[in-house]
Amino acid sequence: MKRVSPTERIRAEIDELFSSERDLAEVLEEVGRVTTRLVIQIAIESEVTEFLGRERYVRGERTREGSRNGYAPVTVKTTAGPVTLERPKLRGTDEAFASRLLRHTAGTYLILRLK
């Protein structure tokens, strides 16, 4: 089975929307929601890359111990409504990863406001 990152799956979803027979106005509205997911997903994956000091599947010199170990679904509240993302799971790290973008409160993740 080919491994596909969450960002690539979201991009494929956007391509599917544009190739559908649905009304263009509906498609554009849905693409707006999906694009919100894409931007947040890219930001979270970039945080993990920075935390580990390397891209996915890169071997060799390591800034920090640990590796990616799949993804877990997480729902984030945004002003556009709830968005489901794939939160990267890590293993073997010397310290716990904490996203600067997300704040976990009572079982729900909230986007922190960036200034």
PDB file of N, CA and C in Angstrom:
ATOM      1  N   MET A   1       0.842  -1.187   0.000  1.00  0.00           N
ATOM      2  CA  MET A   1       0.000   0.000   0.000  1.00  0.00           C
ATOM      3  C   MET A   1       0.883   1.245   0.000  1.00  0.00           C
ATOM      4  N   LYS A   2       0.592   2.155  -0.895  1.00  0.00           N
ATOM      5  CA  LYS A   2       1.356   3.395  -0.990  1.00  0.00           C
ATOM      6  C   LYS A   2       0.969   4.332   0.148  1.00  0.00           C
ATOM      7  N   ARG A   3       1.969   4.907   0.794  1.00  0.00           N
ATOM      8  CA  ARG A   3       1.717   5.874   1.870  1.00  0.00           C
ATOM      9  C   ARG A   3       1.491   7.241   1.266  1.00  0.00           C
ATOM     10  N   VAL A   4       0.383   7.832   1.645  1.00  0.00           N
ATOM     11  CA  VAL A   4       0.030   9.158   1.135  1.00  0.00           C
ATOM     12  C   VAL A   4      -0.161  10.072   2.336  1.00  0.00           C
ATOM     13  N   SER A   5       0.514  11.210   2.311  1.00  0.00           N
ATOM     14  CA  SER A   5       0.400  12.146   3.427  1.00  0.00           C
ATOM     15  C   SER A   5      -0.992  12.769   3.461  1.00  0.00           C
ATOM     16  N   PRO A   6      -1.409  13.224   4.631  1.00  0.00           N
ATOM     17  CA  PRO A   6      -2.713  13.892   4.724  1.00  0.00           C
ATOM     18  C   PRO A   6      -2.828  15.090   3.783  1.00  0.00           C
ATOM     19  N   THR A   7      -1.752  15.835   3.581  1.00  0.00           N
ATOM     20  CA  THR A   7      -1.824  16.997   2.687  1.00  0.00           C
ATOM     21  C   THR A   7      -2.093  16.551   1.250  1.00  0.00           C
ATOM     22  N   GLU A   8      -1.496  15.448   0.836  1.00  0.00           N
ATOM     23  CA  GLU A   8      -1.743  14.944  -0.520  1.00  0.00           C
ATOM     24  C   GLU A   8      -3.172  14.440  -0.666  1.00  0.00           C
ATOM     25  N   ARG A   9      -3.722  13.825   0.384  1.00  0.00           N
ATOM     26  CA  ARG A   9      -5.113  13.363   0.339  1.00  0.00           C
ATOM     27  C   ARG A   9      -6.066  14.560   0.224  1.00  0.00           C
ATOM     28  N   ILE A  10      -5.768  15.641   0.949  1.00  0.00           N
ATOM     29  CA  ILE A  10      -6.619  16.835   0.884  1.00  0.00           C
ATOM     30  C   ILE A  10      -6.527  17.463  -0.508  1.00  0.00           C
ATOM     31  N   ARG A  11      -5.324  17.519  -1.080  1.00  0.00           N
ATOM     32  CA  ARG A  11      -5.171  18.066  -2.440  1.00  0.00           C
ATOM     33  C   ARG A  11      -5.963  17.230  -3.450  1.00  0.00           C
ATOM     34  N   ALA A  12      -5.953  15.908  -3.268  1.00  0.00           N
ATOM     35  CA  ALA A  12      -6.725  15.026  -4.154  1.00  0.00           C
ATOM     36  C   ALA A  12      -8.224  15.286  -3.996  1.00  0.00           C
ATOM     37  N   GLU A  13      -8.646  15.573  -2.769  1.00  0.00           N
ATOM     38  CA  GLU A  13     -10.053  15.892  -2.513  1.00  0.00           C
ATOM     39  C   GLU A  13     -10.458  17.173  -3.256  1.00  0.00           C
ATOM     40  N   ILE A  14      -9.576  18.161  -3.268  1.00  0.00           N
ATOM     41  CA  ILE A  14      -9.845  19.406  -3.991  1.00  0.00           C
ATOM     42  C   ILE A  14      -9.943  19.129  -5.492  1.00  0.00           C
ATOM     43  N   ASP A  15      -9.030  18.313  -6.022  1.00  0.00           N
ATOM     44  CA  ASP A  15      -9.085  17.954  -7.441  1.00  0.00           C
ATOM     45  C   ASP A  15     -10.397  17.242  -7.777  1.00  0.00           C
ATOM     46  N   GLU A  16     -10.829  16.348  -6.896  1.00  0.00           N
ATOM     47  CA  GLU A  16     -12.103  15.643  -7.100  1.00  0.00           C
ATOM     48  C   GLU A  16     -13.273  16.614  -7.159  1.00  0.00           C
ATOM     49  N   LEU A  17     -13.254  17.583  -6.253  1.00  0.00           N
ATOM     50  CA  LEU A  17     -14.341  18.566  -6.234  1.00  0.00           C
ATOM     51  C   LEU A  17     -14.428  19.313  -7.555  1.00  0.00           C
ATOM     52  N   PHE A  18     -13.291  19.744  -8.089  1.00  0.00           N
ATOM     53  CA  PHE A  18     -13.305  20.496  -9.342  1.00  0.00           C
ATOM     54  C   PHE A  18     -13.680  19.628 -10.536  1.00  0.00           C
ATOM     55  N   SER A  19     -13.451  18.320 -10.447  1.00  0.00           N
ATOM     56  CA  SER A  19     -13.800  17.447 -11.575  1.00  0.00           C
ATOM     57  C   SER A  19     -15.219  16.883 -11.450  1.00  0.00           C
ATOM     58  N   SER A  20     -15.914  17.231 -10.364  1.00  0.00           N
ATOM     59  CA  SER A  20     -17.283  16.737 -10.173  1.00  0.00           C
ATOM     60  C   SER A  20     -18.261  17.498 -11.068  1.00  0.00           C
ATOM     61  N   GLU A  21     -19.458  16.977 -11.150  1.00  0.00           N
ATOM     62  CA  GLU A  21     -20.513  17.593 -11.961  1.00  0.00           C
ATOM     63  C   GLU A  21     -21.381  18.541 -11.138  1.00  0.00           C
ATOM     64  N   ARG A  22     -20.988  18.825  -9.924  1.00  0.00           N
ATOM     65  CA  ARG A  22     -21.770  19.690  -9.043  1.00  0.00           C
ATOM     66  C   ARG A  22     -21.752  21.130  -9.544  1.00  0.00           C
ATOM     67  N   ASP A  23     -22.697  21.912  -9.042  1.00  0.00           N
ATOM     68  CA  ASP A  23     -22.778  23.335  -9.345  1.00  0.00           C
ATOM     69  C   ASP A  23     -21.487  24.028  -8.905  1.00  0.00           C
ATOM     70  N   LEU A  24     -20.955  24.898  -9.752  1.00  0.00           N
ATOM     71  CA  LEU A  24     -19.682  25.556  -9.471  1.00  0.00           C
ATOM     72  C   LEU A  24     -19.698  26.328  -8.160  1.00  0.00           C
ATOM     73  N   ALA A  25     -20.802  26.998  -7.845  1.00  0.00           N
ATOM     74  CA  ALA A  25     -20.892  27.751  -6.586  1.00  0.00           C
ATOM     75  C   ALA A  25     -20.753  26.821  -5.390  1.00  0.00           C
ATOM     76  N   GLU A  26     -21.400  25.661  -5.440  1.00  0.00           N
ATOM     77  CA  GLU A  26     -21.273  24.663  -4.365  1.00  0.00           C
ATOM     78  C   GLU A  26     -19.840  24.172  -4.253  1.00  0.00           C
ATOM     79  N   VAL A  27     -19.239  23.887  -5.413  1.00  0.00           N
ATOM     80  CA  VAL A  27     -17.860  23.384  -5.437  1.00  0.00           C
ATOM     81  C   VAL A  27     -16.920  24.398  -4.808  1.00  0.00           C
ATOM     82  N   LEU A  28     -17.049  25.664  -5.186  1.00  0.00           N
ATOM     83  CA  LEU A  28     -16.156  26.694  -4.649  1.00  0.00           C
ATOM     84  C   LEU A  28     -16.333  26.859  -3.142  1.00  0.00           C
ATOM     85  N   GLU A  29     -17.558  26.759  -2.664  1.00  0.00           N
ATOM     86  CA  GLU A  29     -17.796  26.853  -1.223  1.00  0.00           C
ATOM     87  C   GLU A  29     -17.118  25.691  -0.493  1.00  0.00           C
ATOM     88  N   GLU A  30     -17.263  24.495  -1.030  1.00  0.00           N
ATOM     89  CA  GLU A  30     -16.636  23.314  -0.413  1.00  0.00           C
ATOM     90  C   GLU A  30     -15.113  23.387  -0.513  1.00  0.00           C
ATOM     91  N   VAL A  31     -14.592  23.872  -1.635  1.00  0.00           N
ATOM     92  CA  VAL A  31     -13.140  24.025  -1.796  1.00  0.00           C
ATOM     93  C   VAL A  31     -12.608  24.992  -0.748  1.00  0.00           C
ATOM     94  N   GLY A  32     -13.354  26.034  -0.418  1.00  0.00           N
ATOM     95  CA  GLY A  32     -12.942  26.971   0.627  1.00  0.00           C
ATOM     96  C   GLY A  32     -12.774  26.277   1.962  1.00  0.00           C
ATOM     97  N   ARG A  33     -13.725  25.407   2.312  1.00  0.00           N
ATOM     98  CA  ARG A  33     -13.633  24.664   3.582  1.00  0.00           C
ATOM     99  C   ARG A  33     -12.469  23.677   3.558  1.00  0.00           C
ATOM    100  N   VAL A  34     -12.311  22.980   2.448  1.00  0.00           N
ATOM    101  CA  VAL A  34     -11.239  21.983   2.342  1.00  0.00           C
ATOM    102  C   VAL A  34      -9.874  22.672   2.352  1.00  0.00           C
ATOM    103  N   THR A  35      -9.787  23.840   1.725  1.00  0.00           N
ATOM    104  CA  THR A  35      -8.523  24.581   1.705  1.00  0.00           C
ATOM    105  C   THR A  35      -8.125  25.020   3.113  1.00  0.00           C
ATOM    106  N   THR A  36      -9.096  25.355   3.941  1.00  0.00           N
ATOM    107  CA  THR A  36      -8.804  25.681   5.345  1.00  0.00           C
ATOM    108  C   THR A  36      -8.127  24.495   6.013  1.00  0.00           C
ATOM    109  N   ARG A  37      -8.672  23.293   5.784  1.00  0.00           N
ATOM    110  CA  ARG A  37      -8.046  22.077   6.325  1.00  0.00           C
ATOM    111  C   ARG A  37      -6.625  21.923   5.812  1.00  0.00           C
ATOM    112  N   LEU A  38      -6.430  22.158   4.515  1.00  0.00           N
ATOM    113  CA  LEU A  38      -5.110  21.989   3.907  1.00  0.00           C
ATOM    114  C   LEU A  38      -4.076  22.913   4.543  1.00  0.00           C
ATOM    115  N   VAL A  39      -4.431  24.169   4.706  1.00  0.00           N
ATOM    116  CA  VAL A  39      -3.487  25.149   5.269  1.00  0.00           C
ATOM    117  C   VAL A  39      -3.106  24.775   6.699  1.00  0.00           C
ATOM    118  N   ILE A  40      -4.089  24.409   7.513  1.00  0.00           N
ATOM    119  CA  ILE A  40      -3.800  24.039   8.906  1.00  0.00           C
ATOM    120  C   ILE A  40      -2.983  22.751   8.952  1.00  0.00           C
ATOM    121  N   GLN A  41      -3.322  21.776   8.096  1.00  0.00           N
ATOM    122  CA  GLN A  41      -2.584  20.513   8.062  1.00  0.00           C
ATOM    123  C   GLN A  41      -1.124  20.742   7.697  1.00  0.00           C
ATOM    124  N   ILE A  42      -0.879  21.574   6.701  1.00  0.00           N
ATOM    125  CA  ILE A  42       0.496  21.892   6.302  1.00  0.00           C
ATOM    126  C   ILE A  42       1.243  22.543   7.463  1.00  0.00           C
ATOM    127  N   ALA A  43       0.591  23.454   8.172  1.00  0.00           N
ATOM    128  CA  ALA A  43       1.236  24.130   9.302  1.00  0.00           C
ATOM    129  C   ALA A  43       1.601  23.146  10.406  1.00  0.00           C
ATOM    130  N   ILE A  44       0.695  22.221  10.726  1.00  0.00           N
ATOM    131  CA  ILE A  44       0.971  21.244  11.781  1.00  0.00           C
ATOM    132  C   ILE A  44       2.109  20.312  11.367  1.00  0.00           C
ATOM    133  N   GLU A  45       2.083  19.853  10.118  1.00  0.00           N
ATOM    134  CA  GLU A  45       3.157  18.973   9.658  1.00  0.00           C
ATOM    135  C   GLU A  45       4.498  19.709   9.628  1.00  0.00           C
ATOM    136  N   SER A  46       4.468  20.997   9.324  1.00  0.00           N
ATOM    137  CA  SER A  46       5.702  21.796   9.346  1.00  0.00           C
ATOM    138  C   SER A  46       6.247  21.920  10.764  1.00  0.00           C
ATOM    139  N   GLU A  47       5.347  22.047  11.742  1.00  0.00           N
ATOM    140  CA  GLU A  47       5.781  22.089  13.143  1.00  0.00           C
ATOM    141  C   GLU A  47       6.498  20.800  13.536  1.00  0.00           C
ATOM    142  N   VAL A  48       5.968  19.670  13.101  1.00  0.00           N
ATOM    143  CA  VAL A  48       6.597  18.381  13.428  1.00  0.00           C
ATOM    144  C   VAL A  48       7.957  18.267  12.740  1.00  0.00           C
ATOM    145  N   THR A  49       8.039  18.720  11.490  1.00  0.00           N
ATOM    146  CA  THR A  49       9.314  18.702  10.771  1.00  0.00           C
ATOM    147  C   THR A  49      10.345  19.549  11.509  1.00  0.00           C
ATOM    148  N   GLU A  50       9.931  20.721  11.978  1.00  0.00           N
ATOM    149  CA  GLU A  50      10.837  21.592  12.740  1.00  0.00           C
ATOM    150  C   GLU A  50      11.230  20.935  14.065  1.00  0.00           C
ATOM    151  N   PHE A  51      10.266  20.318  14.745  1.00  0.00           N
ATOM    152  CA  PHE A  51      10.513  19.675  16.032  1.00  0.00           C
ATOM    153  C   PHE A  51      11.534  18.543  15.894  1.00  0.00           C
ATOM    154  N   LEU A  52      11.371  17.704  14.869  1.00  0.00           N
ATOM    155  CA  LEU A  52      12.285  16.575  14.671  1.00  0.00           C
ATOM    156  C   LEU A  52      13.569  16.981  13.947  1.00  0.00           C
ATOM    157  N   GLY A  53      13.525  18.105  13.238  1.00  0.00           N
ATOM    158  CA  GLY A  53      14.709  18.573  12.525  1.00  0.00           C
ATOM    159  C   GLY A  53      14.952  17.868  11.209  1.00  0.00           C
ATOM    160  N   ARG A  54      13.897  17.254  10.634  1.00  0.00           N
ATOM    161  CA  ARG A  54      14.047  16.568   9.349  1.00  0.00           C
ATOM    162  C   ARG A  54      12.675  16.329   8.723  1.00  0.00           C
ATOM    163  N   GLU A  55      12.677  16.170   7.404  1.00  0.00           N
ATOM    164  CA  GLU A  55      11.463  15.873   6.653  1.00  0.00           C
ATOM    165  C   GLU A  55      11.054  14.415   6.861  1.00  0.00           C
ATOM    166  N   ARG A  56       9.859  14.080   6.396  1.00  0.00           N
ATOM    167  CA  ARG A  56       9.396  12.690   6.451  1.00  0.00           C
ATOM    168  C   ARG A  56      10.363  11.794   5.679  1.00  0.00           C
ATOM    169  N   TYR A  57      10.621  10.614   6.193  1.00  0.00           N
ATOM    170  CA  TYR A  57      11.430   9.565   5.571  1.00  0.00           C
ATOM    171  C   TYR A  57      12.900   9.912   5.386  1.00  0.00           C
ATOM    172  N   VAL A  58      13.358  11.016   5.927  1.00  0.00           N
ATOM    173  CA  VAL A  58      14.772  11.379   5.819  1.00  0.00           C
ATOM    174  C   VAL A  58      15.537  10.637   6.901  1.00  0.00           C
ATOM    175  N   ARG A  59      16.632  10.029   6.508  1.00  0.00           N
ATOM    176  CA  ARG A  59      17.479   9.283   7.440  1.00  0.00           C
ATOM    177  C   ARG A  59      18.792  10.035   7.622  1.00  0.00           C
ATOM    178  N   GLY A  60      19.617   9.541   8.510  1.00  0.00           N
ATOM    179  CA  GLY A  60      20.933  10.140   8.692  1.00  0.00           C
ATOM    180  C   GLY A  60      20.985  11.051   9.902  1.00  0.00           C
ATOM    181  N   GLU A  61      21.684  12.158   9.741  1.00  0.00           N
ATOM    182  CA  GLU A  61      21.881  13.121  10.827  1.00  0.00           C
ATOM    183  C   GLU A  61      20.550  13.530  11.437  1.00  0.00           C
ATOM    184  N   ARG A  62      20.500  13.454  12.765  1.00  0.00           N
ATOM    185  CA  ARG A  62      19.252  13.783  13.457  1.00  0.00           C
ATOM    186  C   ARG A  62      19.475  14.925  14.435  1.00  0.00           C
ATOM    187  N   THR A  63      18.542  15.857  14.429  1.00  0.00           N
ATOM    188  CA  THR A  63      18.572  16.950  15.386  1.00  0.00           C
ATOM    189  C   THR A  63      18.017  16.474  16.721  1.00  0.00           C
ATOM    190  N   ARG A  64      17.033  15.586  16.648  1.00  0.00           N
ATOM    191  CA  ARG A  64      16.338  15.108  17.840  1.00  0.00           C
ATOM    192  C   ARG A  64      15.968  13.655  17.635  1.00  0.00           C
ATOM    193  N   GLU A  65      15.978  12.899  18.723  1.00  0.00           N
ATOM    194  CA  GLU A  65      15.550  11.506  18.676  1.00  0.00           C
ATOM    195  C   GLU A  65      14.048  11.440  18.432  1.00  0.00           C
ATOM    196  N   GLY A  66      13.612  10.388  17.783  1.00  0.00           N
ATOM    197  CA  GLY A  66      12.189  10.169  17.571  1.00  0.00           C
ATOM    198  C   GLY A  66      11.856  10.063  16.100  1.00  0.00           C
ATOM    199  N   SER A  67      10.651   9.604  15.835  1.00  0.00           N
ATOM    200  CA  SER A  67      10.190   9.468  14.454  1.00  0.00           C
ATOM    201  C   SER A  67       8.677   9.599  14.394  1.00  0.00           C
ATOM    202  N   ARG A  68       8.198   9.829  13.190  1.00  0.00           N
ATOM    203  CA  ARG A  68       6.757   9.894  12.960  1.00  0.00           C
ATOM    204  C   ARG A  68       6.199   8.479  13.020  1.00  0.00           C
ATOM    205  N   ASN A  69       4.994   8.347  13.527  1.00  0.00           N
ATOM    206  CA  ASN A  69       4.386   7.030  13.681  1.00  0.00           C
ATOM    207  C   ASN A  69       2.905   7.095  13.317  1.00  0.00           C
ATOM    208  N   GLY A  70       2.608   7.573  12.122  1.00  0.00           N
ATOM    209  CA  GLY A  70       1.225   7.643  11.669  1.00  0.00           C
ATOM    210  C   GLY A  70       0.532   8.932  12.079  1.00  0.00           C
ATOM    211  N   TYR A  71      -0.792   8.866  12.018  1.00  0.00           N
ATOM    212  CA  TYR A  71      -1.611  10.041  12.296  1.00  0.00           C
ATOM    213  C   TYR A  71      -2.820   9.641  13.123  1.00  0.00           C
ATOM    214  N   ALA A  72      -3.362  10.591  13.850  1.00  0.00           N
ATOM    215  CA  ALA A  72      -4.599  10.394  14.604  1.00  0.00           C
ATOM    216  C   ALA A  72      -5.546  11.533  14.235  1.00  0.00           C
ATOM    217  N   PRO A  73      -6.816  11.219  13.987  1.00  0.00           N
ATOM    218  CA  PRO A  73      -7.757  12.285  13.642  1.00  0.00           C
ATOM    219  C   PRO A  73      -8.013  13.201  14.835  1.00  0.00           C
ATOM    220  N   VAL A  74      -8.145  14.473  14.552  1.00  0.00           N
ATOM    221  CA  VAL A  74      -8.425  15.465  15.580  1.00  0.00           C
ATOM    222  C   VAL A  74      -9.349  16.523  14.977  1.00  0.00           C
ATOM    223  N   THR A  75     -10.345  16.930  15.738  1.00  0.00           N
ATOM    224  CA  THR A  75     -11.269  17.965  15.270  1.00  0.00           C
ATOM    225  C   THR A  75     -10.881  19.293  15.889  1.00  0.00           C
ATOM    226  N   VAL A  76     -10.815  20.304  15.043  1.00  0.00           N
ATOM    227  CA  VAL A  76     -10.415  21.640  15.454  1.00  0.00           C
ATOM    228  C   VAL A  76     -11.578  22.587  15.211  1.00  0.00           C
ATOM    229  N   LYS A  77     -11.878  23.430  16.184  1.00  0.00           N
ATOM    230  CA  LYS A  77     -12.912  24.446  15.996  1.00  0.00           C
ATOM    231  C   LYS A  77     -12.287  25.664  15.320  1.00  0.00           C
ATOM    232  N   THR A  78     -12.897  26.092  14.223  1.00  0.00           N
ATOM    233  CA  THR A  78     -12.453  27.303  13.540  1.00  0.00           C
ATOM    234  C   THR A  78     -13.669  28.206  13.340  1.00  0.00           C
ATOM    235  N   THR A  79     -13.434  29.416  12.872  1.00  0.00           N
ATOM    236  CA  THR A  79     -14.554  30.314  12.608  1.00  0.00           C
ATOM    237  C   THR A  79     -15.394  29.818  11.435  1.00  0.00           C
ATOM    238  N   ALA A  80     -14.813  28.947  10.595  1.00  0.00           N
ATOM    239  CA  ALA A  80     -15.546  28.357   9.473  1.00  0.00           C
ATOM    240  C   ALA A  80     -16.286  27.089   9.884  1.00  0.00           C
ATOM    241  N   GLY A  81     -16.198  26.732  11.167  1.00  0.00           N
ATOM    242  CA  GLY A  81     -16.831  25.511  11.661  1.00  0.00           C
ATOM    243  C   GLY A  81     -15.777  24.467  12.004  1.00  0.00           C
ATOM    244  N   PRO A  82     -16.217  23.312  12.512  1.00  0.00           N
ATOM    245  CA  PRO A  82     -15.265  22.273  12.883  1.00  0.00           C
ATOM    246  C   PRO A  82     -14.537  21.707  11.660  1.00  0.00           C
ATOM    247  N   VAL A  83     -13.242  21.442  11.823  1.00  0.00           N
ATOM    248  CA  VAL A  83     -12.399  20.904  10.761  1.00  0.00           C
ATOM    249  C   VAL A  83     -11.681  19.679  11.316  1.00  0.00           C
ATOM    250  N   THR A  84     -11.719  18.570  10.580  1.00  0.00           N
ATOM    251  CA  THR A  84     -11.019  17.368  11.009  1.00  0.00           C
ATOM    252  C   THR A  84      -9.664  17.305  10.326  1.00  0.00           C
ATOM    253  N   LEU A  85      -8.624  17.165  11.144  1.00  0.00           N
ATOM    254  CA  LEU A  85      -7.243  17.096  10.667  1.00  0.00           C
ATOM    255  C   LEU A  85      -6.642  15.752  11.056  1.00  0.00           C
ATOM    256  N   GLU A  86      -5.445  15.485  10.539  1.00  0.00           N
ATOM    257  CA  GLU A  86      -4.686  14.309  10.925  1.00  0.00           C
ATOM    258  C   GLU A  86      -3.481  14.798  11.725  1.00  0.00           C
ATOM    259  N   ARG A  87      -3.530  14.590  13.053  1.00  0.00           N
ATOM    260  CA  ARG A  87      -2.436  15.019  13.924  1.00  0.00           C
ATOM    261  C   ARG A  87      -1.327  13.979  13.862  1.00  0.00           C
ATOM    262  N   PRO A  88      -0.098  14.368  13.503  1.00  0.00           N
ATOM    263  CA  PRO A  88       1.000  13.404  13.446  1.00  0.00           C
ATOM    264  C   PRO A  88       1.274  12.806  14.829  1.00  0.00           C
ATOM    265  N   LYS A  89       1.476  11.493  14.857  1.00  0.00           N
ATOM    266  CA  LYS A  89       1.870  10.820  16.090  1.00  0.00           C
ATOM    267  C   LYS A  89       3.388  10.633  16.034  1.00  0.00           C
ATOM    268  N   LEU A  90       4.024  10.801  17.161  1.00  0.00           N
ATOM    269  CA  LEU A  90       5.474  10.642  17.238  1.00  0.00           C
ATOM    270  C   LEU A  90       5.811   9.548  18.237  1.00  0.00           C
ATOM    271  N   ARG A  91       6.947   8.906  18.045  1.00  0.00           N
ATOM    272  CA  ARG A  91       7.416   7.908  19.014  1.00  0.00           C
ATOM    273  C   ARG A  91       8.916   8.081  19.217  1.00  0.00           C
ATOM    274  N   GLY A  92       9.357   7.658  20.366  1.00  0.00           N
ATOM    275  CA  GLY A  92      10.782   7.679  20.668  1.00  0.00           C
ATOM    276  C   GLY A  92      11.391   9.054  20.816  1.00  0.00           C
ATOM    277  N   THR A  93      10.591  10.058  21.131  1.00  0.00           N
ATOM    278  CA  THR A  93      11.135  11.408  21.286  1.00  0.00           C
ATOM    279  C   THR A  93      11.647  11.592  22.709  1.00  0.00           C
ATOM    280  N   ASP A  94      12.628  12.460  22.854  1.00  0.00           N
ATOM    281  CA  ASP A  94      13.186  12.727  24.181  1.00  0.00           C
ATOM    282  C   ASP A  94      12.351  13.744  24.957  1.00  0.00           C
ATOM    283  N   GLU A  95      11.427  14.414  24.281  1.00  0.00           N
ATOM    284  CA  GLU A  95      10.484  15.305  24.950  1.00  0.00           C
ATOM    285  C   GLU A  95       9.182  15.304  24.160  1.00  0.00           C
ATOM    286  N   ALA A  96       8.091  15.623  24.815  1.00  0.00           N
ATOM    287  CA  ALA A  96       6.773  15.596  24.176  1.00  0.00           C
ATOM    288  C   ALA A  96       6.640  16.754  23.196  1.00  0.00           C
ATOM    289  N   PHE A  97       5.995  16.486  22.065  1.00  0.00           N
ATOM    290  CA  PHE A  97       5.714  17.520  21.077  1.00  0.00           C
ATOM    291  C   PHE A  97       4.442  18.250  21.475  1.00  0.00           C
ATOM    292  N   ALA A  98       4.477  19.574  21.449  1.00  0.00           N
ATOM    293  CA  ALA A  98       3.295  20.396  21.720  1.00  0.00           C
ATOM    294  C   ALA A  98       3.173  21.425  20.604  1.00  0.00           C
ATOM    295  N   SER A  99       2.080  21.376  19.877  1.00  0.00           N
ATOM    296  CA  SER A  99       1.849  22.305  18.783  1.00  0.00           C
ATOM    297  C   SER A  99       1.685  23.722  19.316  1.00  0.00           C
ATOM    298  N   ARG A 100       2.298  24.677  18.617  1.00  0.00           N
ATOM    299  CA  ARG A 100       2.114  26.083  18.972  1.00  0.00           C
ATOM    300  C   ARG A 100       0.833  26.632  18.350  1.00  0.00           C
ATOM    301  N   LEU A 101       0.277  25.909  17.373  1.00  0.00           N
ATOM    302  CA  LEU A 101      -0.931  26.370  16.691  1.00  0.00           C
ATOM    303  C   LEU A 101      -2.205  25.904  17.366  1.00  0.00           C
ATOM    304  N   LEU A 102      -2.141  24.750  17.995  1.00  0.00           N
ATOM    305  CA  LEU A 102      -3.335  24.163  18.588  1.00  0.00           C
ATOM    306  C   LEU A 102      -3.262  24.195  20.099  1.00  0.00           C
ATOM    307  N   ARG A 103      -4.420  24.355  20.721  1.00  0.00           N
ATOM    308  CA  ARG A 103      -4.511  24.311  22.175  1.00  0.00           C
ATOM    309  C   ARG A 103      -5.580  23.279  22.502  1.00  0.00           C
ATOM    310  N   HIS A 104      -5.255  22.334  23.342  1.00  0.00           N
ATOM    311  CA  HIS A 104      -6.185  21.268  23.706  1.00  0.00           C
ATOM    312  C   HIS A 104      -6.941  21.676  24.953  1.00  0.00           C
ATOM    313  N   THR A 105      -8.282  21.705  24.859  1.00  0.00           N
ATOM    314  CA  THR A 105      -9.118  22.088  25.985  1.00  0.00           C
ATOM    315  C   THR A 105     -10.320  21.162  26.058  1.00  0.00           C
ATOM    316  N   ALA A 106     -10.450  20.446  27.121  1.00  0.00           N
ATOM    317  CA  ALA A 106     -11.626  19.600  27.376  1.00  0.00           C
ATOM    318  C   ALA A 106     -11.988  18.727  26.183  1.00  0.00           C
ATOM    319  N   GLY A 107     -11.008  18.027  25.631  1.00  0.00           N
ATOM    320  CA  GLY A 107     -11.270  17.103  24.540  1.00  0.00           C
ATOM    321  C   GLY A 107     -11.404  17.738  23.173  1.00  0.00           C
ATOM    322  N   THR A 108     -11.235  19.052  23.067  1.00  0.00           N
ATOM    323  CA  THR A 108     -11.370  19.751  21.797  1.00  0.00           C
ATOM    324  C   THR A 108     -10.102  20.556  21.525  1.00  0.00           C
ATOM    325  N   TYR A 109      -9.691  20.588  20.280  1.00  0.00           N
ATOM    326  CA  TYR A 109      -8.557  21.411  19.894  1.00  0.00           C
ATOM    327  C   TYR A 109      -9.077  22.726  19.336  1.00  0.00           C
ATOM    328  N   LEU A 110      -8.442  23.802  19.725  1.00  0.00           N
ATOM    329  CA  LEU A 110      -8.810  25.131  19.240  1.00  0.00           C
ATOM    330  C   LEU A 110      -7.602  25.730  18.545  1.00  0.00           C
ATOM    331  N   ILE A 111      -7.825  26.469  17.472  1.00  0.00           N
ATOM    332  CA  ILE A 111      -6.758  27.182  16.804  1.00  0.00           C
ATOM    333  C   ILE A 111      -6.407  28.410  17.628  1.00  0.00           C
ATOM    334  N   LEU A 112      -5.133  28.561  17.927  1.00  0.00           N
ATOM    335  CA  LEU A 112      -4.702  29.766  18.624  1.00  0.00           C
ATOM    336  C   LEU A 112      -4.682  30.916  17.630  1.00  0.00           C
ATOM    337  N   ARG A 113      -5.047  32.071  18.093  1.00  0.00           N
ATOM    338  CA  ARG A 113      -5.011  33.237  17.212  1.00  0.00           C
ATOM    339  C   ARG A 113      -3.570  33.698  17.039  1.00  0.00           C
ATOM    340  N   LEU A 114      -3.180  33.810  15.787  1.00  0.00           N
ATOM    341  CA  LEU A 114      -1.836  34.267  15.474  1.00  0.00           C
ATOM    342  C   LEU A 114      -1.870  35.746  15.188  1.00  0.00           C
ATOM    343  N   LYS A 115      -0.914  36.484  15.711  1.00  0.00           N
ATOM    344  CA  LYS A 115      -0.877  37.935  15.488  1.00  0.00           C
ATOM    345  C   LYS A 115       0.115  38.263  14.420  1.00  0.00           C
TER     346      LYS A 115
END
